[in-house]
Amino acid sequence: MTDFTRTILALGLVIVALFGEGIMQSINGGGGDPVVQVSEPTLEYKELVQPIVDLDISSKDAAMMAAFYLELANVVDEDDSVIQSTAQFRKFNMLAGPLHFNSNLKGKYDGLGQSIDDAIVNTIGKQSAELDDDKREDLVDVLEAVAWGVNK
């Protein structure tokens, strides 16, 4: 993948992070609560995200988080040159999340961040490792499960 393509992918994620909520409102006609359609994960991933499902997340926040984690899953799935290890993903996630949520969710849902981190760590491990095809697929699956979990 060329540097130009990587730059475009990163720029796309930043745009979604900064303007995703407004885009979702436009898509939903600006009225009512936005809805993001997410496929149901396997039982294994449902169990991993159950602590997220147990939280009472507003539909507006759920749509914003689901859109973010689906886009993040898409970036991880499509790109294999920028994010090459679990450590790189963690750094990327730590930067992209605050950019996207702009402290709107900070302290709003007790344990949400830790529950998301736990699901990801339980899937890809804590130690830095190469993001091979299998681990990349697992990471995409857990990110999609997180998106599903916030909508429940």
N, C-alpha and C. Protein backbone atom coordinates (compact mmCIF):
# COMPACT_ATOMS: atom_id res chain seq x y z
N MET A 1 0.85 -1.16 0.00
CA MET A 1 0.00 0.00 0.00
C MET A 1 0.90 1.23 0.00
N THR A 2 0.57 2.19 -0.84
CA THR A 2 1.41 3.38 -0.95
C THR A 2 1.18 4.33 0.21
N ASP A 3 2.12 5.23 0.39
CA ASP A 3 1.98 6.24 1.45
C ASP A 3 0.74 7.08 1.21
N PHE A 4 0.45 7.37 -0.05
CA PHE A 4 -0.73 8.17 -0.38
C PHE A 4 -2.01 7.46 0.08
N THR A 5 -2.11 6.17 -0.18
CA THR A 5 -3.29 5.40 0.22
C THR A 5 -3.42 5.36 1.74
N ARG A 6 -2.30 5.16 2.43
CA ARG A 6 -2.32 5.16 3.89
C ARG A 6 -2.78 6.51 4.42
N THR A 7 -2.29 7.57 3.81
CA THR A 7 -2.67 8.91 4.23
C THR A 7 -4.17 9.13 4.03
N ILE A 8 -4.69 8.68 2.91
CA ILE A 8 -6.13 8.82 2.63
C ILE A 8 -6.95 8.04 3.65
N LEU A 9 -6.53 6.81 3.98
CA LEU A 9 -7.24 6.01 4.98
C LEU A 9 -7.23 6.70 6.34
N ALA A 10 -6.06 7.21 6.75
CA ALA A 10 -5.95 7.89 8.04
C ALA A 10 -6.79 9.16 8.04
N LEU A 11 -6.77 9.90 6.95
CA LEU A 11 -7.56 11.12 6.84
C LEU A 11 -9.05 10.80 6.91
N GLY A 12 -9.45 9.72 6.27
CA GLY A 12 -10.85 9.29 6.32
C GLY A 12 -11.30 8.99 7.74
N LEU A 13 -10.45 8.32 8.50
CA LEU A 13 -10.79 8.01 9.89
C LEU A 13 -10.87 9.27 10.73
N VAL A 14 -9.97 10.20 10.50
CA VAL A 14 -10.01 11.47 11.24
C VAL A 14 -11.28 12.23 10.91
N ILE A 15 -11.68 12.24 9.65
CA ILE A 15 -12.92 12.93 9.25
C ILE A 15 -14.11 12.28 9.94
N VAL A 16 -14.16 10.96 9.93
CA VAL A 16 -15.24 10.27 10.62
C VAL A 16 -15.21 10.59 12.11
N ALA A 17 -13.99 10.62 12.67
CA ALA A 17 -13.86 10.91 14.10
C ALA A 17 -14.38 12.30 14.44
N LEU A 18 -14.11 13.26 13.59
CA LEU A 18 -14.50 14.63 13.87
C LEU A 18 -15.94 14.95 13.48
N PHE A 19 -16.41 14.35 12.38
CA PHE A 19 -17.71 14.73 11.84
C PHE A 19 -18.71 13.59 11.74
N GLY A 20 -18.36 12.43 12.30
CA GLY A 20 -19.22 11.25 12.19
C GLY A 20 -20.62 11.46 12.72
N GLU A 21 -20.74 12.14 13.85
CA GLU A 21 -22.06 12.35 14.44
C GLU A 21 -22.94 13.19 13.52
N GLY A 22 -22.37 14.24 12.96
CA GLY A 22 -23.14 15.08 12.03
C GLY A 22 -23.53 14.33 10.78
N ILE A 23 -22.62 13.50 10.30
CA ILE A 23 -22.91 12.69 9.11
C ILE A 23 -24.05 11.73 9.41
N MET A 24 -24.00 11.09 10.59
CA MET A 24 -25.07 10.15 10.96
C MET A 24 -26.41 10.87 11.06
N GLN A 25 -26.42 12.08 11.60
CA GLN A 25 -27.67 12.83 11.70
C GLN A 25 -28.20 13.17 10.32
N SER A 26 -27.31 13.53 9.40
CA SER A 26 -27.74 13.83 8.04
C SER A 26 -28.33 12.61 7.37
N ILE A 27 -27.68 11.46 7.56
CA ILE A 27 -28.16 10.22 6.96
C ILE A 27 -29.54 9.87 7.50
N ASN A 28 -29.76 10.11 8.78
CA ASN A 28 -31.02 9.79 9.43
C ASN A 28 -32.05 10.91 9.31
N GLY A 29 -31.79 11.89 8.46
CA GLY A 29 -32.76 12.95 8.24
C GLY A 29 -32.78 13.99 9.35
N GLY A 30 -31.84 13.94 10.26
CA GLY A 30 -31.75 14.93 11.31
C GLY A 30 -32.79 14.79 12.41
N GLY A 31 -33.75 13.92 12.23
CA GLY A 31 -34.79 13.77 13.24
C GLY A 31 -34.72 12.44 13.93
N GLY A 32 -35.13 12.40 15.16
CA GLY A 32 -35.15 11.15 15.91
C GLY A 32 -33.75 10.68 16.24
N ASP A 33 -33.68 9.55 16.90
CA ASP A 33 -32.39 9.01 17.28
C ASP A 33 -31.79 8.26 16.10
N PRO A 34 -30.49 8.45 15.84
CA PRO A 34 -29.85 7.73 14.75
C PRO A 34 -29.74 6.25 15.08
N VAL A 35 -29.74 5.44 14.04
CA VAL A 35 -29.65 4.00 14.20
C VAL A 35 -28.55 3.49 13.29
N VAL A 36 -27.68 2.65 13.83
CA VAL A 36 -26.63 2.02 13.04
C VAL A 36 -26.91 0.53 13.03
N GLN A 37 -27.01 -0.03 11.84
CA GLN A 37 -27.26 -1.46 11.71
C GLN A 37 -25.96 -2.23 11.88
N VAL A 38 -25.95 -3.18 12.80
CA VAL A 38 -24.76 -3.97 13.09
C VAL A 38 -25.15 -5.44 13.10
N SER A 39 -24.34 -6.25 12.44
CA SER A 39 -24.60 -7.70 12.42
C SER A 39 -24.37 -8.29 13.80
N GLU A 40 -25.16 -9.30 14.11
CA GLU A 40 -25.03 -9.98 15.39
C GLU A 40 -23.77 -10.83 15.40
N PRO A 41 -22.95 -10.70 16.45
CA PRO A 41 -21.71 -11.48 16.51
C PRO A 41 -21.97 -12.93 16.95
N THR A 42 -20.92 -13.72 16.89
CA THR A 42 -21.00 -15.10 17.37
C THR A 42 -21.16 -15.09 18.89
N LEU A 43 -21.54 -16.22 19.44
CA LEU A 43 -21.74 -16.35 20.88
C LEU A 43 -20.48 -15.97 21.65
N GLU A 44 -19.32 -16.39 21.15
CA GLU A 44 -18.05 -16.07 21.81
C GLU A 44 -17.88 -14.56 21.97
N TYR A 45 -18.16 -13.81 20.93
CA TYR A 45 -17.99 -12.36 21.00
C TYR A 45 -19.11 -11.70 21.78
N LYS A 46 -20.30 -12.29 21.74
CA LYS A 46 -21.39 -11.77 22.58
C LYS A 46 -21.00 -11.82 24.05
N GLU A 47 -20.39 -12.92 24.44
CA GLU A 47 -19.95 -13.06 25.84
C GLU A 47 -18.88 -12.04 26.18
N LEU A 48 -17.97 -11.78 25.25
CA LEU A 48 -16.91 -10.80 25.50
C LEU A 48 -17.46 -9.38 25.70
N VAL A 49 -18.53 -9.06 24.98
CA VAL A 49 -19.06 -7.68 25.05
C VAL A 49 -20.27 -7.57 25.98
N GLN A 50 -20.60 -8.63 26.70
CA GLN A 50 -21.76 -8.59 27.60
C GLN A 50 -21.69 -7.44 28.61
N PRO A 51 -20.51 -7.13 29.18
CA PRO A 51 -20.46 -5.98 30.10
C PRO A 51 -20.85 -4.66 29.41
N ILE A 52 -20.61 -4.57 28.13
CA ILE A 52 -21.00 -3.37 27.36
C ILE A 52 -22.51 -3.39 27.16
N VAL A 53 -23.05 -4.55 26.81
CA VAL A 53 -24.49 -4.70 26.61
C VAL A 53 -25.25 -4.34 27.89
N ASP A 54 -24.66 -4.67 29.05
CA ASP A 54 -25.32 -4.42 30.33
C ASP A 54 -25.43 -2.94 30.70
N LEU A 55 -24.68 -2.10 30.03
CA LEU A 55 -24.74 -0.66 30.31
C LEU A 55 -25.97 -0.05 29.64
N ASP A 56 -26.50 0.99 30.23
CA ASP A 56 -27.66 1.69 29.68
C ASP A 56 -27.14 2.88 28.86
N ILE A 57 -26.85 2.61 27.60
CA ILE A 57 -26.26 3.63 26.72
C ILE A 57 -27.38 4.26 25.89
N SER A 58 -27.39 5.58 25.85
CA SER A 58 -28.43 6.28 25.07
C SER A 58 -28.30 5.91 23.60
N SER A 59 -29.41 5.96 22.89
CA SER A 59 -29.38 5.57 21.47
C SER A 59 -28.49 6.51 20.65
N LYS A 60 -28.44 7.77 21.02
CA LYS A 60 -27.58 8.73 20.31
C LYS A 60 -26.11 8.36 20.50
N ASP A 61 -25.71 8.11 21.75
CA ASP A 61 -24.33 7.73 22.03
C ASP A 61 -24.01 6.37 21.41
N ALA A 62 -24.97 5.45 21.47
CA ALA A 62 -24.77 4.11 20.91
C ALA A 62 -24.52 4.20 19.40
N ALA A 63 -25.28 5.03 18.72
CA ALA A 63 -25.09 5.18 17.27
C ALA A 63 -23.72 5.77 16.95
N MET A 64 -23.30 6.75 17.75
CA MET A 64 -22.00 7.37 17.53
C MET A 64 -20.88 6.36 17.77
N MET A 65 -20.98 5.59 18.86
CA MET A 65 -19.95 4.60 19.17
C MET A 65 -19.95 3.46 18.15
N ALA A 66 -21.13 3.00 17.77
CA ALA A 66 -21.22 1.90 16.80
C ALA A 66 -20.60 2.31 15.47
N ALA A 67 -20.90 3.52 15.01
CA ALA A 67 -20.33 4.00 13.74
C ALA A 67 -18.81 4.06 13.84
N PHE A 68 -18.30 4.52 14.97
CA PHE A 68 -16.86 4.62 15.16
C PHE A 68 -16.20 3.24 15.12
N TYR A 69 -16.74 2.29 15.90
CA TYR A 69 -16.11 0.97 15.96
C TYR A 69 -16.28 0.18 14.66
N LEU A 70 -17.35 0.42 13.93
CA LEU A 70 -17.49 -0.22 12.61
C LEU A 70 -16.46 0.36 11.63
N GLU A 71 -16.27 1.67 11.68
CA GLU A 71 -15.27 2.28 10.81
C GLU A 71 -13.86 1.82 11.20
N LEU A 72 -13.60 1.73 12.48
CA LEU A 72 -12.31 1.25 12.96
C LEU A 72 -12.07 -0.19 12.49
N ALA A 73 -13.10 -1.02 12.58
CA ALA A 73 -13.00 -2.41 12.10
C ALA A 73 -12.70 -2.43 10.60
N ASN A 74 -13.34 -1.54 9.86
CA ASN A 74 -13.11 -1.46 8.42
C ASN A 74 -11.68 -1.06 8.11
N VAL A 75 -11.15 -0.08 8.84
CA VAL A 75 -9.77 0.35 8.63
C VAL A 75 -8.81 -0.80 8.92
N VAL A 76 -9.01 -1.49 10.04
CA VAL A 76 -8.14 -2.61 10.40
C VAL A 76 -8.23 -3.71 9.34
N ASP A 77 -9.44 -3.95 8.85
CA ASP A 77 -9.64 -5.01 7.85
C ASP A 77 -9.00 -4.67 6.51
N GLU A 78 -9.13 -3.43 6.09
CA GLU A 78 -8.66 -3.02 4.76
C GLU A 78 -7.17 -2.70 4.71
N ASP A 79 -6.59 -2.27 5.81
CA ASP A 79 -5.20 -1.84 5.81
C ASP A 79 -4.32 -2.86 6.51
N ASP A 80 -3.26 -3.27 5.83
CA ASP A 80 -2.34 -4.18 6.48
C ASP A 80 -0.91 -3.63 6.48
N SER A 81 -0.79 -2.33 6.21
CA SER A 81 0.56 -1.77 6.19
C SER A 81 0.77 -0.69 7.26
N VAL A 82 -0.27 0.01 7.65
CA VAL A 82 -0.12 1.04 8.67
C VAL A 82 -0.16 0.41 10.05
N ILE A 83 -1.17 -0.41 10.30
CA ILE A 83 -1.32 -1.07 11.59
C ILE A 83 -0.84 -2.51 11.42
N GLN A 84 0.41 -2.74 11.84
CA GLN A 84 1.03 -4.04 11.63
C GLN A 84 1.18 -4.86 12.90
N SER A 85 0.88 -4.24 14.05
CA SER A 85 1.02 -4.98 15.30
C SER A 85 -0.10 -4.57 16.26
N THR A 86 -0.27 -5.39 17.28
CA THR A 86 -1.28 -5.07 18.29
C THR A 86 -0.91 -3.80 19.04
N ALA A 87 0.37 -3.56 19.23
CA ALA A 87 0.81 -2.33 19.91
C ALA A 87 0.47 -1.10 19.08
N GLN A 88 0.67 -1.18 17.77
CA GLN A 88 0.31 -0.06 16.90
C GLN A 88 -1.20 0.18 16.94
N PHE A 89 -1.98 -0.89 16.97
CA PHE A 89 -3.43 -0.72 17.06
C PHE A 89 -3.80 -0.02 18.36
N ARG A 90 -3.22 -0.43 19.47
CA ARG A 90 -3.54 0.19 20.77
C ARG A 90 -3.25 1.69 20.74
N LYS A 91 -2.08 2.06 20.20
CA LYS A 91 -1.73 3.49 20.11
C LYS A 91 -2.73 4.22 19.22
N PHE A 92 -3.05 3.62 18.08
CA PHE A 92 -3.99 4.21 17.15
C PHE A 92 -5.36 4.39 17.81
N ASN A 93 -5.82 3.36 18.51
CA ASN A 93 -7.11 3.40 19.18
C ASN A 93 -7.12 4.46 20.28
N MET A 94 -6.03 4.58 21.01
CA MET A 94 -5.94 5.57 22.09
C MET A 94 -5.99 7.01 21.56
N LEU A 95 -5.53 7.22 20.32
CA LEU A 95 -5.58 8.55 19.73
C LEU A 95 -6.91 8.81 19.02
N ALA A 96 -7.39 7.81 18.28
CA ALA A 96 -8.60 7.99 17.49
C ALA A 96 -9.84 8.14 18.36
N GLY A 97 -9.93 7.36 19.45
CA GLY A 97 -11.10 7.42 20.32
C GLY A 97 -11.35 8.81 20.88
N PRO A 98 -10.36 9.40 21.56
CA PRO A 98 -10.58 10.75 22.10
C PRO A 98 -10.86 11.79 21.01
N LEU A 99 -10.23 11.63 19.84
CA LEU A 99 -10.53 12.56 18.75
C LEU A 99 -11.99 12.46 18.34
N HIS A 100 -12.46 11.24 18.24
CA HIS A 100 -13.84 11.03 17.79
C HIS A 100 -14.86 11.47 18.84
N PHE A 101 -14.67 11.05 20.06
CA PHE A 101 -15.68 11.29 21.09
C PHE A 101 -15.52 12.64 21.77
N ASN A 102 -14.36 13.29 21.58
CA ASN A 102 -14.16 14.65 22.06
C ASN A 102 -14.63 14.85 23.50
N SER A 103 -14.33 13.93 24.35
CA SER A 103 -14.67 13.92 25.78
C SER A 103 -16.17 13.95 26.06
N ASN A 104 -17.01 13.75 25.05
CA ASN A 104 -18.47 13.70 25.25
C ASN A 104 -18.87 12.51 26.12
N LEU A 105 -18.09 11.45 26.11
CA LEU A 105 -18.46 10.24 26.85
C LEU A 105 -17.66 10.06 28.13
N LYS A 106 -16.68 10.93 28.36
CA LYS A 106 -15.79 10.78 29.52
C LYS A 106 -16.60 10.78 30.81
N GLY A 107 -16.54 9.64 31.52
CA GLY A 107 -17.23 9.50 32.80
C GLY A 107 -18.74 9.31 32.70
N LYS A 108 -19.27 9.28 31.50
CA LYS A 108 -20.72 9.17 31.32
C LYS A 108 -21.25 7.76 31.57
N TYR A 109 -20.48 6.77 31.17
CA TYR A 109 -20.88 5.37 31.33
C TYR A 109 -19.80 4.64 32.12
N ASP A 110 -20.09 4.39 33.36
CA ASP A 110 -19.13 3.79 34.28
C ASP A 110 -18.65 2.43 33.77
N GLY A 111 -17.36 2.32 33.55
CA GLY A 111 -16.77 1.05 33.13
C GLY A 111 -16.79 0.79 31.64
N LEU A 112 -17.34 1.69 30.84
CA LEU A 112 -17.45 1.45 29.40
C LEU A 112 -16.07 1.28 28.76
N GLY A 113 -15.18 2.22 28.99
CA GLY A 113 -13.86 2.15 28.37
C GLY A 113 -13.11 0.89 28.77
N GLN A 114 -13.18 0.55 30.05
CA GLN A 114 -12.51 -0.65 30.53
C GLN A 114 -13.12 -1.91 29.92
N SER A 115 -14.44 -1.93 29.77
CA SER A 115 -15.11 -3.09 29.18
C SER A 115 -14.70 -3.27 27.72
N ILE A 116 -14.58 -2.17 27.00
CA ILE A 116 -14.14 -2.24 25.60
C ILE A 116 -12.70 -2.71 25.54
N ASP A 117 -11.84 -2.12 26.38
CA ASP A 117 -10.44 -2.54 26.42
C ASP A 117 -10.31 -4.02 26.77
N ASP A 118 -11.09 -4.48 27.75
CA ASP A 118 -11.04 -5.88 28.16
C ASP A 118 -11.42 -6.82 27.01
N ALA A 119 -12.46 -6.46 26.27
CA ALA A 119 -12.89 -7.29 25.14
C ALA A 119 -11.78 -7.38 24.09
N ILE A 120 -11.14 -6.25 23.82
CA ILE A 120 -10.07 -6.24 22.82
C ILE A 120 -8.87 -7.03 23.32
N VAL A 121 -8.46 -6.81 24.58
CA VAL A 121 -7.31 -7.53 25.14
C VAL A 121 -7.58 -9.03 25.20
N ASN A 122 -8.80 -9.43 25.56
CA ASN A 122 -9.13 -10.85 25.59
C ASN A 122 -9.09 -11.48 24.21
N THR A 123 -9.20 -10.66 23.18
CA THR A 123 -9.18 -11.17 21.81
C THR A 123 -7.77 -11.19 21.23
N ILE A 124 -7.02 -10.10 21.39
CA ILE A 124 -5.71 -10.02 20.73
C ILE A 124 -4.53 -10.11 21.69
N GLY A 125 -4.80 -10.17 23.00
CA GLY A 125 -3.74 -10.27 23.98
C GLY A 125 -3.21 -8.92 24.41
N LYS A 126 -2.41 -8.95 25.46
CA LYS A 126 -1.83 -7.73 26.01
C LYS A 126 -0.46 -7.43 25.45
N GLN A 127 0.27 -8.46 25.11
CA GLN A 127 1.63 -8.29 24.61
C GLN A 127 1.59 -7.89 23.14
N SER A 128 2.56 -7.09 22.75
CA SER A 128 2.66 -6.69 21.35
C SER A 128 2.97 -7.92 20.50
N ALA A 129 2.21 -8.05 19.44
CA ALA A 129 2.39 -9.17 18.51
C ALA A 129 2.06 -8.69 17.10
N GLU A 130 2.63 -9.38 16.14
CA GLU A 130 2.34 -9.06 14.75
C GLU A 130 0.84 -9.27 14.50
N LEU A 131 0.27 -8.39 13.73
CA LEU A 131 -1.14 -8.51 13.39
C LEU A 131 -1.25 -9.34 12.11
N ASP A 132 -1.08 -10.66 12.27
CA ASP A 132 -1.19 -11.55 11.11
C ASP A 132 -2.65 -11.65 10.69
N ASP A 133 -2.92 -12.40 9.65
CA ASP A 133 -4.28 -12.48 9.11
C ASP A 133 -5.30 -12.95 10.15
N ASP A 134 -4.93 -13.98 10.92
CA ASP A 134 -5.87 -14.52 11.92
C ASP A 134 -6.15 -13.51 13.03
N LYS A 135 -5.10 -12.90 13.54
CA LYS A 135 -5.25 -11.92 14.62
C LYS A 135 -5.99 -10.68 14.11
N ARG A 136 -5.72 -10.29 12.88
CA ARG A 136 -6.41 -9.15 12.27
C ARG A 136 -7.92 -9.45 12.16
N GLU A 137 -8.24 -10.66 11.71
CA GLU A 137 -9.65 -11.06 11.60
C GLU A 137 -10.33 -11.06 12.97
N ASP A 138 -9.62 -11.57 13.98
CA ASP A 138 -10.16 -11.57 15.34
C ASP A 138 -10.40 -10.14 15.83
N LEU A 139 -9.47 -9.24 15.54
CA LEU A 139 -9.61 -7.85 15.96
C LEU A 139 -10.81 -7.20 15.27
N VAL A 140 -10.97 -7.46 13.99
CA VAL A 140 -12.13 -6.93 13.26
C VAL A 140 -13.42 -7.47 13.89
N ASP A 141 -13.44 -8.75 14.19
CA ASP A 141 -14.64 -9.36 14.78
C ASP A 141 -14.99 -8.74 16.14
N VAL A 142 -13.98 -8.50 16.98
CA VAL A 142 -14.27 -7.94 18.30
C VAL A 142 -14.70 -6.48 18.18
N LEU A 143 -14.12 -5.73 17.25
CA LEU A 143 -14.55 -4.34 17.05
C LEU A 143 -15.99 -4.28 16.56
N GLU A 144 -16.36 -5.19 15.68
CA GLU A 144 -17.74 -5.25 15.22
C GLU A 144 -18.66 -5.69 16.37
N ALA A 145 -18.18 -6.57 17.22
CA ALA A 145 -18.97 -6.99 18.38
C ALA A 145 -19.17 -5.83 19.36
N VAL A 146 -18.16 -5.01 19.54
CA VAL A 146 -18.29 -3.82 20.39
C VAL A 146 -19.36 -2.91 19.81
N ALA A 147 -19.33 -2.71 18.49
CA ALA A 147 -20.34 -1.87 17.83
C ALA A 147 -21.75 -2.45 18.07
N TRP A 148 -21.86 -3.76 18.00
CA TRP A 148 -23.14 -4.43 18.27
C TRP A 148 -23.54 -4.24 19.73
N GLY A 149 -22.56 -4.43 20.63
CA GLY A 149 -22.83 -4.37 22.06
C GLY A 149 -23.34 -3.02 22.54
N VAL A 150 -22.83 -1.94 21.99
CA VAL A 150 -23.29 -0.62 22.45
C VAL A 150 -24.72 -0.36 22.01
N ASN A 151 -25.18 -1.06 20.98
CA ASN A 151 -26.55 -0.87 20.48
C ASN A 151 -27.59 -1.70 21.20
N LYS A 152 -27.18 -2.58 22.09
CA LYS A 152 -28.12 -3.46 22.78
C LYS A 152 -28.63 -2.85 24.05
